[in-house]
C-alpha cells in the first residue's frame, strides 16, 4: 500500500491507498496556519498514524502541496515556491519532512496530483495521455503520460494558468486583467472563480461569487446564463491551444468550477473550431474523485511497478 497526503490551506488529508485504487484508511486534520514548523509536524503525525494503521512494512509516502519545489539551490536544497499557503514559500519542506520521518518522500504540486489520480484510477484511467485541469480559486494543470507524471526540468509542465489568453479570448473581456503573478491576461484571469466573477460584473454590473453565478444559470437566470456561455467560449479557446500543442486523449476538469454541467455539453463543440484537425478526438471529462483527488494522486507519485 501507499500513503498519500494532500496538504491544503485549511486541512491535511492523508490516505492509505490499496493497489486497486481503494482508499482503505483516511485521516483529516486542520492545517496549522501560523507557523511553518507546526505544519510540518502535523503532516508528519498524519503520516506516522497511517504507517501504524498499515500493519505492514513501511509504505511509500507522496505529498501534494500548493505551489511547487524549486530547482536545487547552491546548497543542493529544494525550496517551496508559488504557494498560496505563504508560510511554505522559501522553506525546504521536502527536506524537513524527510528529516522528521527518517526516509524519502515525494512532493508534487496539487494540480499534478489531481491529474495523476484521474489518470491512474479515475475518469481518465483508460487514456494514455491526460491533461488534468484545475478551475477554482486559481487555474492549474498537470500532464500524465502512461500513468507517469511529466513535470519538466523547471517543474512547471502543465502550468497553463499563466499562459497568456488567446487573442480571441481577449475580445471577450472589456479590459486587460492583471494577474497576481504580475503579468496581464493570464488564462487564470478569465478561467478562475475570480475571473468568472469579473466577467459577470462586466456584463451585468452585479458582483456575485462564481458558485452563485453557476446556481443562477442552472435555474434559468438570463444574465448568469450569458456569463456561463461566455465562460464556455473562453475555456474552449484556451483548451484548444493545449490540444494543438499536447494533443491529449482526455482532458479532465477539476476544482469548484468543474461542477458546472454546461461545460461538458458546450465546450467540446466550441473547441472544434479552434483545434487544428478535421475531427477532434480529445474527450472532456468530469472528475471522479472530487476533493479526494489530491491525496490519491500524491500516493500515485510512487508507481506500483
Protein backbone atom coordinates (compact mmCIF):
# COMPACT_ATOMS: atom_id res chain seq x y z
CA UNK A 1 0.00 0.00 0.00
CA UNK A 2 0.95 3.63 -0.49
CA UNK A 3 0.38 6.74 1.64
CA UNK A 4 -0.81 9.94 0.01
CA UNK A 5 -1.14 13.29 1.76
CA UNK A 6 -2.92 16.39 0.47
CA UNK A 7 -1.54 19.48 2.21
CA UNK A 8 -4.19 22.15 1.80
CA UNK A 9 -4.61 25.64 3.15
CA UNK A 10 -7.28 24.55 5.65
CA UNK A 11 -6.87 20.79 6.00
CA UNK A 12 -4.32 18.00 5.77
CA UNK A 13 -5.81 14.78 4.42
CA UNK A 14 -3.90 11.53 4.43
CA UNK A 15 -4.93 8.19 2.97
CA UNK A 16 -3.78 4.61 2.66
CA UNK A 17 -4.21 3.55 -0.96
CA UNK A 18 -4.53 -0.12 -1.89
CA UNK A 19 -3.03 -1.39 -5.20
CA UNK A 20 -6.50 -1.49 -6.76
CA UNK A 21 -7.04 2.22 -6.02
CA UNK A 22 -9.27 1.70 -2.99
CA UNK A 23 -8.85 4.14 -0.10
CA UNK A 24 -8.67 1.87 2.94
CA UNK A 25 -7.90 4.49 5.61
CA UNK A 26 -8.36 8.26 5.75
CA UNK A 27 -7.26 10.88 8.27
CA UNK A 28 -8.15 14.57 8.09
CA UNK A 29 -6.86 17.30 10.43
CA UNK A 30 -6.85 21.08 10.34
CA UNK A 31 -3.79 22.71 8.81
CA UNK A 32 -1.88 24.92 11.28
CA UNK A 33 -1.75 28.32 9.61
CA UNK A 34 0.52 30.36 11.84
CA UNK A 35 3.86 28.53 11.91
CA UNK A 36 5.64 26.52 9.22
CA UNK A 37 7.12 24.14 11.79
CA UNK A 38 3.63 23.33 13.09
CA UNK A 39 2.52 22.45 9.54
CA UNK A 40 5.44 20.06 9.13
CA UNK A 41 4.73 18.41 12.47
CA UNK A 42 1.01 17.99 11.80
CA UNK A 43 1.69 16.45 8.39
CA UNK A 44 4.26 14.04 9.78
CA UNK A 45 1.89 12.95 12.55
CA UNK A 46 -0.72 12.08 9.92
CA UNK A 47 1.87 10.01 8.03
CA UNK A 48 3.01 8.20 11.17
CA UNK A 49 -0.55 7.33 12.14
CA UNK A 50 -1.19 5.91 8.68
CA UNK A 51 2.05 3.91 8.81
CA UNK A 52 0.80 2.33 12.04
CA UNK A 53 -2.59 1.54 10.51
CA UNK A 54 -0.93 -0.19 7.53
CA UNK A 55 0.33 -3.04 9.79
CA UNK A 56 2.82 -3.90 7.03
CA UNK A 57 6.30 -2.86 6.08
CA UNK A 58 6.85 0.88 5.70
CA UNK A 59 4.65 2.41 3.00
CA UNK A 60 5.87 4.88 0.42
CA UNK A 61 4.77 8.48 1.03
CA UNK A 62 3.74 11.06 -1.54
CA UNK A 63 2.65 14.60 -0.69
CA UNK A 64 0.62 17.05 -2.74
CA UNK A 65 1.14 20.72 -1.95
CA UNK A 66 0.10 24.14 -3.14
CA UNK A 67 2.93 25.57 -5.21
CA UNK A 68 5.96 23.56 -6.26
CA UNK A 69 9.53 22.70 -5.41
CA UNK A 70 12.19 24.93 -6.96
CA UNK A 71 15.32 23.60 -8.60
CA UNK A 72 18.10 22.80 -6.12
CA UNK A 73 19.94 25.89 -4.91
CA UNK A 74 23.69 26.27 -4.38
CA UNK A 75 23.35 24.26 -1.16
CA UNK A 76 21.63 21.43 -3.07
CA UNK A 77 18.30 22.14 -1.34
CA UNK A 78 14.86 22.41 -2.96
CA UNK A 79 12.68 25.23 -1.60
CA UNK A 80 8.95 25.73 -1.98
CA UNK A 81 7.71 28.40 -4.40
CA UNK A 82 4.42 29.78 -5.76
CA UNK A 83 2.39 28.63 -2.72
CA UNK A 84 -0.83 30.39 -1.79
CA UNK A 85 -0.16 28.98 1.70
CA UNK A 86 2.50 31.62 2.15
CA UNK A 87 4.17 30.10 5.22
CA UNK A 88 5.55 27.38 2.90
CA UNK A 89 7.28 29.70 0.43
CA UNK A 90 11.05 29.63 0.65
CA UNK A 91 11.04 26.67 3.04
CA UNK A 92 12.77 23.29 2.48
CA UNK A 93 9.53 21.36 3.00
CA UNK A 94 10.62 18.05 1.46
CA UNK A 95 13.91 18.06 3.36
CA UNK A 96 12.27 18.93 6.68
CA UNK A 97 9.64 16.22 6.30
CA UNK A 98 12.29 13.63 5.46
CA UNK A 99 14.42 14.67 8.43
CA UNK A 100 11.41 14.32 10.70
CA UNK A 101 10.27 10.95 9.27
CA UNK A 102 13.69 9.49 8.56
CA UNK A 103 13.06 8.33 4.98
CA UNK A 104 12.50 9.59 1.43
CA UNK A 105 9.21 11.13 0.33
CA UNK A 106 7.97 12.57 -2.95
CA UNK A 107 6.43 16.04 -3.14
CA UNK A 108 4.46 17.50 -6.04
CA UNK A 109 2.10 20.31 -6.89
CA UNK A 110 -1.54 19.56 -6.06
CA UNK A 111 -2.71 20.11 -9.66
CA UNK A 112 -0.22 17.46 -10.79
CA UNK A 113 -1.57 15.12 -8.13
CA UNK A 114 -5.11 15.72 -9.35
CA UNK A 115 -4.10 14.81 -12.91
CA UNK A 116 -2.28 11.70 -11.72
CA UNK A 117 -5.20 10.45 -9.63
CA UNK A 118 -7.65 10.73 -12.52
CA UNK A 119 -5.18 9.14 -14.95
CA UNK A 120 -4.37 6.18 -12.71
CA UNK A 121 -7.74 5.34 -11.19
CA UNK A 122 -10.33 7.94 -12.22
CA UNK A 123 -12.11 9.31 -15.24
CA UNK A 124 -9.04 9.04 -17.49
CA UNK A 125 -7.81 5.60 -16.43
CA UNK A 126 -8.28 4.25 -19.98
CA UNK A 127 -6.34 7.12 -21.59
CA UNK A 128 -2.63 7.07 -22.35
CA UNK A 129 -2.17 10.87 -22.41
CA UNK A 130 -4.06 13.09 -19.97
CA UNK A 131 -4.25 16.80 -19.21
CA UNK A 132 -5.74 17.50 -15.80
CA UNK A 133 -7.16 20.99 -15.28
CA UNK A 134 -7.92 22.83 -12.04
CA UNK A 135 -10.62 25.50 -12.36
CA UNK A 136 -11.12 27.04 -8.95
CA UNK A 137 -9.58 29.81 -6.88
CA UNK A 138 -6.71 29.52 -9.35
CA UNK A 139 -6.17 27.77 -12.65
CA UNK A 140 -3.60 24.98 -12.84
CA UNK A 141 -2.90 21.81 -14.73
CA UNK A 142 -0.86 18.64 -14.94
CA UNK A 143 0.33 16.28 -17.68
CA UNK A 144 0.34 12.48 -17.35
CA UNK A 145 1.74 10.09 -19.96
CA UNK A 146 1.39 6.32 -19.49
CA UNK A 147 0.35 6.81 -15.83
CA UNK A 148 3.53 8.78 -15.12
CA UNK A 149 3.61 12.45 -14.28
CA UNK A 150 5.55 14.72 -16.63
CA UNK A 151 6.96 17.78 -14.85
CA UNK A 152 9.87 19.04 -16.97
CA UNK A 153 13.24 20.49 -15.90
CA UNK A 154 11.59 23.61 -14.43
CA UNK A 155 8.83 21.56 -12.75
CA UNK A 156 6.13 23.69 -14.36
CA UNK A 157 4.75 21.37 -17.06
CA UNK A 158 1.00 21.87 -17.32
CA UNK A 159 1.02 25.34 -15.71
CA UNK A 160 -1.20 26.72 -18.44
CA UNK A 161 -2.94 29.06 -15.99
CA UNK A 162 -0.12 31.53 -16.51
CA UNK A 163 -0.01 31.37 -20.28
CA UNK A 164 -1.47 34.43 -21.93
CA UNK A 165 -5.07 34.10 -23.14
CA UNK A 166 -5.50 33.71 -26.92
CA UNK A 167 -6.31 36.94 -28.78
CA UNK A 168 -9.80 35.59 -29.49
CA UNK A 169 -10.41 35.40 -25.73
CA UNK A 170 -9.17 38.97 -25.23
CA UNK A 171 -12.09 40.06 -27.40
CA UNK A 172 -14.48 38.50 -24.87
CA UNK A 173 -13.40 40.78 -21.98
CA UNK A 174 -13.80 44.53 -21.76
CA UNK A 175 -10.36 45.45 -20.44
CA UNK A 176 -6.97 43.91 -19.66
CA UNK A 177 -6.79 41.92 -16.44
CA UNK A 178 -3.78 41.91 -14.17
CA UNK A 179 -2.84 38.53 -12.69
CA UNK A 180 -1.39 38.10 -9.20
CA UNK A 181 1.80 36.78 -10.86
CA UNK A 182 2.44 40.30 -12.21
CA UNK A 183 1.53 39.61 -15.84
CA UNK A 184 -1.57 40.67 -17.72
CA UNK A 185 -4.30 38.49 -19.19
CA UNK A 186 -3.14 35.09 -17.96
CA UNK A 187 -5.62 32.26 -18.54
CA UNK A 188 -6.27 32.37 -14.80
CA UNK A 189 -7.68 35.91 -15.05
CA UNK A 190 -10.66 34.61 -17.03
CA UNK A 191 -10.94 30.93 -16.04
CA UNK A 192 -10.61 31.10 -12.24
CA UNK A 193 -13.55 31.78 -9.94
CA UNK A 194 -12.43 35.39 -9.70
CA UNK A 195 -12.28 35.57 -13.47
CA UNK A 196 -15.84 34.31 -13.80
CA UNK A 197 -16.98 36.86 -11.21
CA UNK A 198 -15.30 39.67 -13.13
CA UNK A 199 -16.79 38.55 -16.45
CA UNK A 200 -20.26 38.60 -14.89
CA UNK A 201 -19.68 42.03 -13.39
CA UNK A 202 -18.50 43.46 -16.71
CA UNK A 203 -21.65 42.17 -18.42
CA UNK A 204 -24.27 42.87 -15.75
CA UNK A 205 -22.81 45.32 -13.24
CA UNK A 206 -23.57 42.84 -10.45
CA UNK A 207 -20.80 41.32 -8.31
CA UNK A 208 -21.52 37.66 -7.49
CA UNK A 209 -19.42 34.71 -6.41
CA UNK A 210 -18.77 32.08 -9.08
CA UNK A 211 -20.85 29.46 -7.28
CA UNK A 212 -23.84 31.82 -7.17
CA UNK A 213 -23.50 32.62 -10.88
CA UNK A 214 -23.50 28.89 -11.67
CA UNK A 215 -26.53 28.32 -9.43
CA UNK A 216 -28.48 31.15 -11.05
CA UNK A 217 -27.59 29.90 -14.52
CA UNK A 218 -28.81 26.40 -13.66
CA UNK A 219 -32.11 27.97 -12.55
CA UNK A 220 -32.55 29.85 -15.82
CA UNK A 221 -31.33 33.36 -14.96
CA UNK A 222 -30.63 35.06 -18.30
CA UNK A 223 -27.69 37.22 -17.14
CA UNK A 224 -25.99 34.27 -15.44
CA UNK A 225 -26.62 32.07 -18.47
CA UNK A 226 -24.94 34.64 -20.69
CA UNK A 227 -21.93 34.69 -18.36
CA UNK A 228 -21.64 30.90 -18.37
CA UNK A 229 -21.89 30.88 -22.17
CA UNK A 230 -19.03 33.39 -22.34
CA UNK A 231 -17.03 31.27 -19.88
CA UNK A 232 -17.57 28.18 -22.03
CA UNK A 233 -16.22 30.05 -25.06
CA UNK A 234 -13.21 31.29 -23.07
CA UNK A 235 -12.45 27.82 -21.72
CA UNK A 236 -12.84 26.20 -25.15
CA UNK A 237 -10.40 28.58 -26.79
CA UNK A 238 -7.84 28.25 -24.01
CA UNK A 239 -8.08 24.44 -24.01
CA UNK A 240 -7.78 24.37 -27.79
CA UNK A 241 -4.25 25.70 -27.51
CA UNK A 242 -3.42 22.77 -25.19
CA UNK A 243 -4.86 20.27 -27.68
CA UNK A 244 -2.96 21.84 -30.59
CA UNK A 245 0.29 21.54 -28.62
CA UNK A 246 -0.02 18.39 -26.48
CA UNK A 247 -2.94 16.55 -28.18
CA UNK A 248 -4.09 14.56 -25.10
CA UNK A 249 -6.55 11.70 -25.39
CA UNK A 250 -8.52 13.13 -22.48
CA UNK A 251 -8.87 16.38 -20.55
CA UNK A 252 -10.29 16.06 -17.03
CA UNK A 253 -11.65 19.15 -15.29
CA UNK A 254 -11.29 19.61 -11.54
CA UNK A 255 -11.81 22.36 -9.00
CA UNK A 256 -15.06 24.01 -7.99
CA UNK A 257 -15.98 25.25 -11.46
CA UNK A 258 -15.78 21.71 -12.84
CA UNK A 259 -19.23 21.18 -11.30
CA UNK A 260 -20.84 23.40 -13.96
CA UNK A 261 -22.63 20.84 -16.12
CA UNK A 262 -22.85 23.10 -19.17
CA UNK A 263 -19.07 22.87 -19.61
CA UNK A 264 -19.25 19.24 -20.71
CA UNK A 265 -22.07 19.95 -23.16
CA UNK A 266 -20.80 23.14 -24.78
CA UNK A 267 -17.00 23.23 -24.54
CA UNK A 268 -16.12 20.21 -26.75
CA UNK A 269 -18.25 21.58 -29.60
CA UNK A 270 -16.80 25.07 -29.17
CA UNK A 271 -13.25 23.69 -29.20
CA UNK A 272 -13.60 22.09 -32.62
CA UNK A 273 -13.49 25.42 -34.41
CA UNK A 274 -10.08 26.20 -32.89
CA UNK A 275 -8.34 22.79 -32.93
CA UNK A 276 -6.13 22.13 -35.96
CA UNK A 277 -7.83 18.93 -37.12
CA UNK A 278 -10.91 17.89 -39.06
CA UNK A 279 -12.17 15.54 -36.34
CA UNK A 280 -11.21 16.30 -32.75
CA UNK A 281 -10.98 13.04 -30.78
CA UNK A 282 -9.87 14.51 -27.44
CA UNK A 283 -12.52 13.85 -24.79
CA UNK A 284 -13.54 16.20 -21.98
CA UNK A 285 -14.49 14.54 -18.69
CA UNK A 286 -15.69 15.41 -15.21
CA UNK A 287 -13.51 14.23 -12.30
CA UNK A 288 -14.28 11.02 -10.45
CA UNK A 289 -12.73 11.72 -7.07
CA UNK A 290 -13.61 15.32 -6.16
CA UNK A 291 -11.62 16.65 -3.21
CA UNK A 292 -10.08 13.20 -2.63
CA UNK A 293 -8.02 13.57 -5.82
CA UNK A 294 -5.08 15.31 -4.17
CA UNK A 295 -4.32 12.55 -1.68
CA UNK A 296 -4.90 9.73 -4.20
CA UNK A 297 -2.63 11.39 -6.74
CA UNK A 298 0.03 12.01 -4.11
CA UNK A 299 0.08 8.28 -3.31
CA UNK A 300 0.48 7.59 -7.04
CA UNK A 301 3.72 9.60 -7.14
CA UNK A 302 5.20 6.18 -6.31
CA UNK A 303 4.18 3.85 -9.15
CA UNK A 304 3.35 0.25 -8.36
CA UNK A 305 5.93 -1.21 -10.74
